[in-house]
Amino acid sequence: MRVTKLASTCENGDCPTLYATDRDTILIRGETPVDHGLALPAHETVVEIPVELLRKVLRDQRI
C-alpha cells in the first residue's frame, strides 16, 4: 500500500494526521480514546482527531 500525507496538526512528530492510500481509502492517525462507550468488533478501532484537521484537508482540497 502506498500512503501519501494529506494534512497534519504538526510538521514533524507524533500527531494527528490524515493520509490517502493508493486503494482510494483514507488512513487516520490520532489518539485512541478509552471512554467512547461504543461496542466495537475486535477487528475495528476508533481514533480521535481535531475537527480542524478535517477542515484543513477540505480547505486545501487535497481529497
Protein backbone atom coordinates (compact mmCIF):
# COMPACT_ATOMS: atom_id res chain seq x y z
CA MET A 1 0.00 0.00 0.00
CA ARG A 2 1.31 3.46 -0.89
CA VAL A 3 0.48 6.21 1.60
CA THR A 4 0.52 9.96 0.95
CA LYS A 5 0.28 12.52 3.76
CA LEU A 6 -2.67 14.85 3.23
CA ALA A 7 -2.62 17.03 6.33
CA SER A 8 -1.34 17.04 9.87
CA THR A 9 -1.60 19.11 13.02
CA CYS A 10 2.20 19.44 13.06
CA GLU A 11 5.05 19.29 10.57
CA ASN A 12 7.05 16.52 12.22
CA GLY A 13 6.48 14.10 15.05
CA ASP A 14 3.64 12.12 16.52
CA CYS A 15 0.41 14.00 15.93
CA PRO A 16 -2.99 13.55 14.29
CA THR A 17 -2.55 13.09 10.53
CA LEU A 18 -4.68 12.14 7.53
CA TYR A 19 -3.23 10.01 4.73
CA ALA A 20 -4.55 8.92 1.32
CA THR A 21 -3.74 5.44 0.02
CA ASP A 22 -3.41 4.04 -3.48
CA ARG A 23 -6.51 1.94 -2.66
CA ASP A 24 -8.79 5.02 -2.63
CA THR A 25 -9.01 4.93 1.16
CA ILE A 26 -8.04 7.28 3.98
CA LEU A 27 -5.86 6.39 6.97
CA ILE A 28 -6.29 8.41 10.16
CA ARG A 29 -3.64 8.75 12.83
CA GLY A 30 -4.89 10.03 16.16
CA GLU A 31 -5.40 9.32 19.83
CA THR A 32 -7.15 6.13 20.91
CA PRO A 33 -9.99 7.21 23.19
CA VAL A 34 -10.94 4.87 26.02
CA ASP A 35 -14.18 6.49 27.17
CA HIS A 36 -16.24 6.36 23.95
CA GLY A 37 -18.75 3.73 25.14
CA LEU A 38 -19.02 2.14 21.69
CA ALA A 39 -19.31 -1.61 21.16
CA LEU A 40 -16.66 -2.39 18.52
CA PRO A 41 -15.76 -5.74 16.99
CA ALA A 42 -12.20 -6.92 17.66
CA HIS A 43 -11.09 -6.03 14.10
CA GLU A 44 -12.16 -2.35 14.38
CA THR A 45 -10.94 0.65 16.34
CA VAL A 46 -11.72 4.33 16.66
CA VAL A 47 -9.36 7.28 16.75
CA GLU A 48 -9.93 10.84 17.85
CA ILE A 49 -8.66 13.77 15.78
CA PRO A 50 -9.18 17.53 15.97
CA VAL A 51 -12.00 18.89 13.77
CA GLU A 52 -9.52 21.46 12.48
CA LEU A 53 -7.54 18.66 10.80
CA LEU A 54 -10.57 17.79 8.63
CA ARG A 55 -11.16 21.47 7.90
CA LYS A 56 -7.53 21.84 6.83
CA VAL A 57 -7.77 18.94 4.35
CA LEU A 58 -11.03 20.23 2.90
CA ARG A 59 -9.74 23.82 2.74
CA ASP A 60 -6.61 22.69 0.92
CA GLN A 61 -8.75 20.46 -1.37
CA ARG A 62 -6.34 17.57 -1.09
CA ILE A 63 -9.04 14.91 -1.43
